């Protein structure tokens, strides 16, 4: 995650979930898996393109995936 993303960056376009919401779910609500993020934020529950690059079916690849965010905040 070399690029710096603002907290308002929309990671999950289908459910309109921002990076800030995902970080909050990880840091404050204890999310530590894709399932946790799905339950707490709905991210990754529609088309699933935002989960990881292998799930991304779009012509243009996502800039940031949920797995990258989780990896950055793993304790």
PDB file of N, CA and C in Angstrom:
ATOM      1  N   UNK A   1       0.842  -1.179   0.000  1.00  0.00           N
ATOM      2  CA  UNK A   1       0.000   0.000   0.000  1.00  0.00           C
ATOM      3  C   UNK A   1       0.885   1.240   0.000  1.00  0.00           C
ATOM      4  N   UNK A   2       1.594   1.425  -1.064  1.00  0.00           N
ATOM      5  CA  UNK A   2       2.516   2.549  -1.138  1.00  0.00           C
ATOM      6  C   UNK A   2       1.779   3.875  -1.272  1.00  0.00           C
ATOM      7  N   UNK A   3       0.684   3.880  -1.990  1.00  0.00           N
ATOM      8  CA  UNK A   3      -0.077   5.112  -2.182  1.00  0.00           C
ATOM      9  C   UNK A   3      -0.832   5.457  -0.907  1.00  0.00           C
ATOM     10  N   UNK A   4      -0.914   6.737  -0.606  1.00  0.00           N
ATOM     11  CA  UNK A   4      -1.640   7.188   0.579  1.00  0.00           C
ATOM     12  C   UNK A   4      -3.093   7.463   0.184  1.00  0.00           C
ATOM     13  N   UNK A   5      -4.013   6.833   0.853  1.00  0.00           N
ATOM     14  CA  UNK A   5      -5.431   6.984   0.566  1.00  0.00           C
ATOM     15  C   UNK A   5      -6.113   7.765   1.690  1.00  0.00           C
ATOM     16  N   UNK A   6      -7.014   8.684   1.372  1.00  0.00           N
ATOM     17  CA  UNK A   6      -7.765   9.389   2.419  1.00  0.00           C
ATOM     18  C   UNK A   6      -8.800   8.454   3.037  1.00  0.00           C
ATOM     19  N   UNK A   7      -9.210   8.757   4.225  1.00  0.00           N
ATOM     20  CA  UNK A   7     -10.218   7.928   4.896  1.00  0.00           C
ATOM     21  C   UNK A   7     -11.550   7.926   4.148  1.00  0.00           C
ATOM     22  N   UNK A   8     -11.774   8.929   3.302  1.00  0.00           N
ATOM     23  CA  UNK A   8     -13.015   9.002   2.531  1.00  0.00           C
ATOM     24  C   UNK A   8     -12.958   8.157   1.257  1.00  0.00           C
ATOM     25  N   UNK A   9     -11.804   7.512   0.972  1.00  0.00           N
ATOM     26  CA  UNK A   9     -11.659   6.684  -0.223  1.00  0.00           C
ATOM     27  C   UNK A   9     -12.622   5.510  -0.142  1.00  0.00           C
ATOM     28  N   UNK A  10     -13.404   5.312  -1.191  1.00  0.00           N
ATOM     29  CA  UNK A  10     -14.389   4.231  -1.226  1.00  0.00           C
ATOM     30  C   UNK A  10     -13.706   2.938  -1.675  1.00  0.00           C
ATOM     31  N   UNK A  11     -13.572   2.010  -0.749  1.00  0.00           N
ATOM     32  CA  UNK A  11     -12.929   0.725  -1.034  1.00  0.00           C
ATOM     33  C   UNK A  11     -13.934  -0.228  -1.669  1.00  0.00           C
ATOM     34  N   UNK A  12     -15.128  -0.295  -1.128  1.00  0.00           N
ATOM     35  CA  UNK A  12     -16.187  -1.157  -1.653  1.00  0.00           C
ATOM     36  C   UNK A  12     -17.210  -0.274  -2.361  1.00  0.00           C
ATOM     37  N   UNK A  13     -17.141  -0.285  -3.683  1.00  0.00           N
ATOM     38  CA  UNK A  13     -18.033   0.568  -4.466  1.00  0.00           C
ATOM     39  C   UNK A  13     -19.491   0.107  -4.416  1.00  0.00           C
ATOM     40  N   UNK A  14     -19.721  -1.187  -4.353  1.00  0.00           N
ATOM     41  CA  UNK A  14     -21.095  -1.708  -4.343  1.00  0.00           C
ATOM     42  C   UNK A  14     -21.860  -1.285  -3.086  1.00  0.00           C
ATOM     43  N   UNK A  15     -21.192  -1.348  -1.956  1.00  0.00           N
ATOM     44  CA  UNK A  15     -21.824  -1.029  -0.665  1.00  0.00           C
ATOM     45  C   UNK A  15     -21.437   0.352  -0.146  1.00  0.00           C
ATOM     46  N   UNK A  16     -20.604   1.077  -0.910  1.00  0.00           N
ATOM     47  CA  UNK A  16     -20.178   2.438  -0.556  1.00  0.00           C
ATOM     48  C   UNK A  16     -19.509   2.496   0.817  1.00  0.00           C
ATOM     49  N   UNK A  17     -18.576   1.572   1.035  1.00  0.00           N
ATOM     50  CA  UNK A  17     -17.851   1.504   2.302  1.00  0.00           C
ATOM     51  C   UNK A  17     -16.492   2.172   2.116  1.00  0.00           C
ATOM     52  N   UNK A  18     -16.199   3.114   3.003  1.00  0.00           N
ATOM     53  CA  UNK A  18     -14.956   3.873   2.895  1.00  0.00           C
ATOM     54  C   UNK A  18     -13.820   3.223   3.683  1.00  0.00           C
ATOM     55  N   UNK A  19     -12.612   3.665   3.367  1.00  0.00           N
ATOM     56  CA  UNK A  19     -11.431   3.207   4.087  1.00  0.00           C
ATOM     57  C   UNK A  19     -11.553   3.533   5.571  1.00  0.00           C
ATOM     58  N   UNK A  20     -12.072   4.703   5.891  1.00  0.00           N
ATOM     59  CA  UNK A  20     -12.254   5.088   7.290  1.00  0.00           C
ATOM     60  C   UNK A  20     -13.161   4.128   8.043  1.00  0.00           C
ATOM     61  N   UNK A  21     -14.237   3.697   7.408  1.00  0.00           N
ATOM     62  CA  UNK A  21     -15.151   2.744   8.048  1.00  0.00           C
ATOM     63  C   UNK A  21     -14.467   1.396   8.273  1.00  0.00           C
ATOM     64  N   UNK A  22     -13.652   0.995   7.317  1.00  0.00           N
ATOM     65  CA  UNK A  22     -12.946  -0.280   7.436  1.00  0.00           C
ATOM     66  C   UNK A  22     -11.896  -0.206   8.541  1.00  0.00           C
ATOM     67  N   UNK A  23     -11.145   0.879   8.574  1.00  0.00           N
ATOM     68  CA  UNK A  23     -10.144   1.050   9.627  1.00  0.00           C
ATOM     69  C   UNK A  23     -10.811   1.083  11.002  1.00  0.00           C
ATOM     70  N   UNK A  24     -11.943   1.757  11.109  1.00  0.00           N
ATOM     71  CA  UNK A  24     -12.677   1.795  12.377  1.00  0.00           C
ATOM     72  C   UNK A  24     -13.099   0.376  12.793  1.00  0.00           C
ATOM     73  N   UNK A  25     -13.597  -0.401  11.836  1.00  0.00           N
ATOM     74  CA  UNK A  25     -14.024  -1.772  12.139  1.00  0.00           C
ATOM     75  C   UNK A  25     -12.847  -2.612  12.621  1.00  0.00           C
ATOM     76  N   UNK A  26     -11.673  -2.375  12.059  1.00  0.00           N
ATOM     77  CA  UNK A  26     -10.488  -3.134  12.461  1.00  0.00           C
ATOM     78  C   UNK A  26      -9.969  -2.674  13.819  1.00  0.00           C
ATOM     79  N   UNK A  27      -9.757  -1.382  13.971  1.00  0.00           N
ATOM     80  CA  UNK A  27      -9.124  -0.854  15.184  1.00  0.00           C
ATOM     81  C   UNK A  27     -10.051  -0.792  16.390  1.00  0.00           C
ATOM     82  N   UNK A  28     -11.297  -0.429  16.171  1.00  0.00           N
ATOM     83  CA  UNK A  28     -12.206  -0.198  17.298  1.00  0.00           C
ATOM     84  C   UNK A  28     -13.198  -1.341  17.551  1.00  0.00           C
ATOM     85  N   UNK A  29     -13.477  -2.119  16.513  1.00  0.00           N
ATOM     86  CA  UNK A  29     -14.482  -3.166  16.676  1.00  0.00           C
ATOM     87  C   UNK A  29     -13.903  -4.570  16.556  1.00  0.00           C
ATOM     88  N   UNK A  30     -12.568  -4.658  16.380  1.00  0.00           N
ATOM     89  CA  UNK A  30     -11.887  -5.948  16.431  1.00  0.00           C
ATOM     90  C   UNK A  30     -11.955  -6.814  15.190  1.00  0.00           C
ATOM     91  N   UNK A  31     -12.302  -6.262  14.049  1.00  0.00           N
ATOM     92  CA  UNK A  31     -12.344  -7.062  12.821  1.00  0.00           C
ATOM     93  C   UNK A  31     -10.938  -7.516  12.465  1.00  0.00           C
ATOM     94  N   UNK A  32     -10.782  -8.808  12.187  1.00  0.00           N
ATOM     95  CA  UNK A  32      -9.466  -9.298  11.784  1.00  0.00           C
ATOM     96  C   UNK A  32      -9.539 -10.306  10.646  1.00  0.00           C
ATOM     97  N   UNK A  33     -10.681 -10.323   9.943  1.00  0.00           N
ATOM     98  CA  UNK A  33     -10.845 -11.216   8.790  1.00  0.00           C
ATOM     99  C   UNK A  33     -11.829 -10.586   7.809  1.00  0.00           C
ATOM    100  N   UNK A  34     -11.866 -11.141   6.612  1.00  0.00           N
ATOM    101  CA  UNK A  34     -12.827 -10.667   5.615  1.00  0.00           C
ATOM    102  C   UNK A  34     -14.260 -10.887   6.093  1.00  0.00           C
ATOM    103  N   UNK A  35     -14.495 -11.992   6.769  1.00  0.00           N
ATOM    104  CA  UNK A  35     -15.840 -12.264   7.309  1.00  0.00           C
ATOM    105  C   UNK A  35     -16.235 -11.217   8.342  1.00  0.00           C
ATOM    106  N   UNK A  36     -15.298 -10.852   9.212  1.00  0.00           N
ATOM    107  CA  UNK A  36     -15.576  -9.816  10.210  1.00  0.00           C
ATOM    108  C   UNK A  36     -15.931  -8.496   9.536  1.00  0.00           C
ATOM    109  N   UNK A  37     -15.140  -8.106   8.531  1.00  0.00           N
ATOM    110  CA  UNK A  37     -15.415  -6.855   7.820  1.00  0.00           C
ATOM    111  C   UNK A  37     -16.771  -6.897   7.135  1.00  0.00           C
ATOM    112  N   UNK A  38     -17.116  -8.032   6.560  1.00  0.00           N
ATOM    113  CA  UNK A  38     -18.413  -8.180   5.897  1.00  0.00           C
ATOM    114  C   UNK A  38     -19.550  -7.999   6.898  1.00  0.00           C
ATOM    115  N   UNK A  39     -19.416  -8.610   8.073  1.00  0.00           N
ATOM    116  CA  UNK A  39     -20.463  -8.507   9.096  1.00  0.00           C
ATOM    117  C   UNK A  39     -20.600  -7.094   9.648  1.00  0.00           C
ATOM    118  N   UNK A  40     -19.466  -6.418   9.837  1.00  0.00           N
ATOM    119  CA  UNK A  40     -19.480  -5.100  10.464  1.00  0.00           C
ATOM    120  C   UNK A  40     -19.730  -3.951   9.494  1.00  0.00           C
ATOM    121  N   UNK A  41     -19.343  -4.123   8.227  1.00  0.00           N
ATOM    122  CA  UNK A  41     -19.445  -2.992   7.294  1.00  0.00           C
ATOM    123  C   UNK A  41     -20.204  -3.297   6.011  1.00  0.00           C
ATOM    124  N   UNK A  42     -20.469  -4.537   5.707  1.00  0.00           N
ATOM    125  CA  UNK A  42     -21.054  -4.999   4.433  1.00  0.00           C
ATOM    126  C   UNK A  42     -20.050  -4.973   3.286  1.00  0.00           C
ATOM    127  N   UNK A  43     -18.820  -4.560   3.514  1.00  0.00           N
ATOM    128  CA  UNK A  43     -17.809  -4.527   2.452  1.00  0.00           C
ATOM    129  C   UNK A  43     -17.544  -5.941   1.944  1.00  0.00           C
ATOM    130  N   UNK A  44     -17.460  -6.061   0.637  1.00  0.00           N
ATOM    131  CA  UNK A  44     -17.151  -7.349   0.022  1.00  0.00           C
ATOM    132  C   UNK A  44     -18.300  -8.330  -0.033  1.00  0.00           C
ATOM    133  N   UNK A  45     -19.518  -7.858   0.172  1.00  0.00           N
ATOM    134  CA  UNK A  45     -20.656  -8.783   0.195  1.00  0.00           C
ATOM    135  C   UNK A  45     -21.480  -8.792  -1.090  1.00  0.00           C
ATOM    136  N   UNK A  46     -21.193  -7.908  -2.020  1.00  0.00           N
ATOM    137  CA  UNK A  46     -21.970  -7.877  -3.268  1.00  0.00           C
ATOM    138  C   UNK A  46     -21.163  -8.558  -4.378  1.00  0.00           C
ATOM    139  N   UNK A  47     -20.431  -7.796  -5.171  1.00  0.00           N
ATOM    140  CA  UNK A  47     -19.689  -8.395  -6.290  1.00  0.00           C
ATOM    141  C   UNK A  47     -18.381  -9.048  -5.844  1.00  0.00           C
ATOM    142  N   UNK A  48     -17.898  -8.686  -4.675  1.00  0.00           N
ATOM    143  CA  UNK A  48     -16.689  -9.247  -4.042  1.00  0.00           C
ATOM    144  C   UNK A  48     -15.372  -8.831  -4.699  1.00  0.00           C
ATOM    145  N   UNK A  49     -15.397  -7.893  -5.649  1.00  0.00           N
ATOM    146  CA  UNK A  49     -14.175  -7.429  -6.323  1.00  0.00           C
ATOM    147  C   UNK A  49     -13.193  -6.772  -5.369  1.00  0.00           C
ATOM    148  N   UNK A  50     -13.680  -6.203  -4.284  1.00  0.00           N
ATOM    149  CA  UNK A  50     -12.805  -5.468  -3.368  1.00  0.00           C
ATOM    150  C   UNK A  50     -12.074  -6.376  -2.381  1.00  0.00           C
ATOM    151  N   UNK A  51     -12.393  -7.656  -2.355  1.00  0.00           N
ATOM    152  CA  UNK A  51     -11.750  -8.556  -1.390  1.00  0.00           C
ATOM    153  C   UNK A  51     -10.259  -8.713  -1.650  1.00  0.00           C
ATOM    154  N   UNK A  52      -9.893  -9.130  -2.866  1.00  0.00           N
ATOM    155  CA  UNK A  52      -8.489  -9.291  -3.251  1.00  0.00           C
ATOM    156  C   UNK A  52      -8.389  -9.330  -4.764  1.00  0.00           C
ATOM    157  N   UNK A  53      -7.186  -9.284  -5.273  1.00  0.00           N
ATOM    158  CA  UNK A  53      -7.005  -9.195  -6.723  1.00  0.00           C
ATOM    159  C   UNK A  53      -7.540 -10.422  -7.456  1.00  0.00           C
ATOM    160  N   UNK A  54      -7.518 -11.586  -6.835  1.00  0.00           N
ATOM    161  CA  UNK A  54      -8.025 -12.786  -7.506  1.00  0.00           C
ATOM    162  C   UNK A  54      -9.554 -12.788  -7.603  1.00  0.00           C
ATOM    163  N   UNK A  55     -10.220 -12.005  -6.770  1.00  0.00           N
ATOM    164  CA  UNK A  55     -11.683 -11.893  -6.814  1.00  0.00           C
ATOM    165  C   UNK A  55     -12.146 -10.762  -7.724  1.00  0.00           C
ATOM    166  N   UNK A  56     -11.209  -9.916  -8.141  1.00  0.00           N
ATOM    167  CA  UNK A  56     -11.534  -8.727  -8.934  1.00  0.00           C
ATOM    168  C   UNK A  56     -11.837  -9.125 -10.377  1.00  0.00           C
ATOM    169  N   UNK A  57     -13.096  -9.007 -10.758  1.00  0.00           N
ATOM    170  CA  UNK A  57     -13.524  -9.405 -12.097  1.00  0.00           C
ATOM    171  C   UNK A  57     -13.690  -8.224 -13.038  1.00  0.00           C
ATOM    172  N   UNK A  58     -13.457  -7.024 -12.547  1.00  0.00           N
ATOM    173  CA  UNK A  58     -13.631  -5.822 -13.350  1.00  0.00           C
ATOM    174  C   UNK A  58     -12.537  -5.650 -14.391  1.00  0.00           C
ATOM    175  N   UNK A  59     -12.833  -4.865 -15.422  1.00  0.00           N
ATOM    176  CA  UNK A  59     -11.835  -4.586 -16.446  1.00  0.00           C
ATOM    177  C   UNK A  59     -10.695  -3.747 -15.864  1.00  0.00           C
ATOM    178  N   UNK A  60     -11.049  -2.757 -15.053  1.00  0.00           N
ATOM    179  CA  UNK A  60     -10.048  -1.965 -14.347  1.00  0.00           C
ATOM    180  C   UNK A  60      -9.914  -2.527 -12.942  1.00  0.00           C
ATOM    181  N   UNK A  61      -8.695  -2.818 -12.547  1.00  0.00           N
ATOM    182  CA  UNK A  61      -8.467  -3.385 -11.218  1.00  0.00           C
ATOM    183  C   UNK A  61      -8.669  -2.327 -10.142  1.00  0.00           C
ATOM    184  N   UNK A  62      -9.075  -2.781  -8.981  1.00  0.00           N
ATOM    185  CA  UNK A  62      -9.264  -1.902  -7.829  1.00  0.00           C
ATOM    186  C   UNK A  62      -7.900  -1.338  -7.406  1.00  0.00           C
ATOM    187  N   UNK A  63      -7.927  -0.173  -6.780  1.00  0.00           N
ATOM    188  CA  UNK A  63      -6.682   0.434  -6.296  1.00  0.00           C
ATOM    189  C   UNK A  63      -6.270  -0.120  -4.937  1.00  0.00           C
ATOM    190  N   UNK A  64      -7.235  -0.604  -4.176  1.00  0.00           N
ATOM    191  CA  UNK A  64      -6.989  -1.047  -2.809  1.00  0.00           C
ATOM    192  C   UNK A  64      -7.959  -2.173  -2.481  1.00  0.00           C
ATOM    193  N   UNK A  65      -7.433  -3.236  -1.895  1.00  0.00           N
ATOM    194  CA  UNK A  65      -8.255  -4.402  -1.548  1.00  0.00           C
ATOM    195  C   UNK A  65      -8.364  -4.565  -0.036  1.00  0.00           C
ATOM    196  N   UNK A  66      -9.440  -5.191   0.390  1.00  0.00           N
ATOM    197  CA  UNK A  66      -9.665  -5.440   1.818  1.00  0.00           C
ATOM    198  C   UNK A  66      -8.532  -6.251   2.428  1.00  0.00           C
ATOM    199  N   UNK A  67      -8.021  -7.235   1.698  1.00  0.00           N
ATOM    200  CA  UNK A  67      -6.938  -8.056   2.232  1.00  0.00           C
ATOM    201  C   UNK A  67      -5.683  -7.220   2.491  1.00  0.00           C
ATOM    202  N   UNK A  68      -5.419  -6.229   1.635  1.00  0.00           N
ATOM    203  CA  UNK A  68      -4.267  -5.340   1.855  1.00  0.00           C
ATOM    204  C   UNK A  68      -4.436  -4.526   3.128  1.00  0.00           C
ATOM    205  N   UNK A  69      -5.638  -4.049   3.349  1.00  0.00           N
ATOM    206  CA  UNK A  69      -5.910  -3.238   4.534  1.00  0.00           C
ATOM    207  C   UNK A  69      -5.769  -4.090   5.793  1.00  0.00           C
ATOM    208  N   UNK A  70      -6.355  -5.276   5.770  1.00  0.00           N
ATOM    209  CA  UNK A  70      -6.246  -6.182   6.919  1.00  0.00           C
ATOM    210  C   UNK A  70      -4.779  -6.500   7.220  1.00  0.00           C
ATOM    211  N   UNK A  71      -4.003  -6.762   6.185  1.00  0.00           N
ATOM    212  CA  UNK A  71      -2.584  -7.099   6.356  1.00  0.00           C
ATOM    213  C   UNK A  71      -1.820  -5.950   7.015  1.00  0.00           C
ATOM    214  N   UNK A  72      -2.140  -4.739   6.620  1.00  0.00           N
ATOM    215  CA  UNK A  72      -1.451  -3.566   7.181  1.00  0.00           C
ATOM    216  C   UNK A  72      -1.728  -3.423   8.686  1.00  0.00           C
ATOM    217  N   UNK A  73      -2.929  -3.783   9.111  1.00  0.00           N
ATOM    218  CA  UNK A  73      -3.300  -3.571  10.519  1.00  0.00           C
ATOM    219  C   UNK A  73      -3.196  -4.818  11.376  1.00  0.00           C
ATOM    220  N   UNK A  74      -2.677  -5.922  10.833  1.00  0.00           N
ATOM    221  CA  UNK A  74      -2.514  -7.133  11.645  1.00  0.00           C
ATOM    222  C   UNK A  74      -1.580  -6.862  12.806  1.00  0.00           C
ATOM    223  N   UNK A  75      -1.935  -7.413  13.941  1.00  0.00           N
ATOM    224  CA  UNK A  75      -1.137  -7.204  15.156  1.00  0.00           C
ATOM    225  C   UNK A  75      -0.284  -8.397  15.447  1.00  0.00           C
TER     226      UNK A  75
END
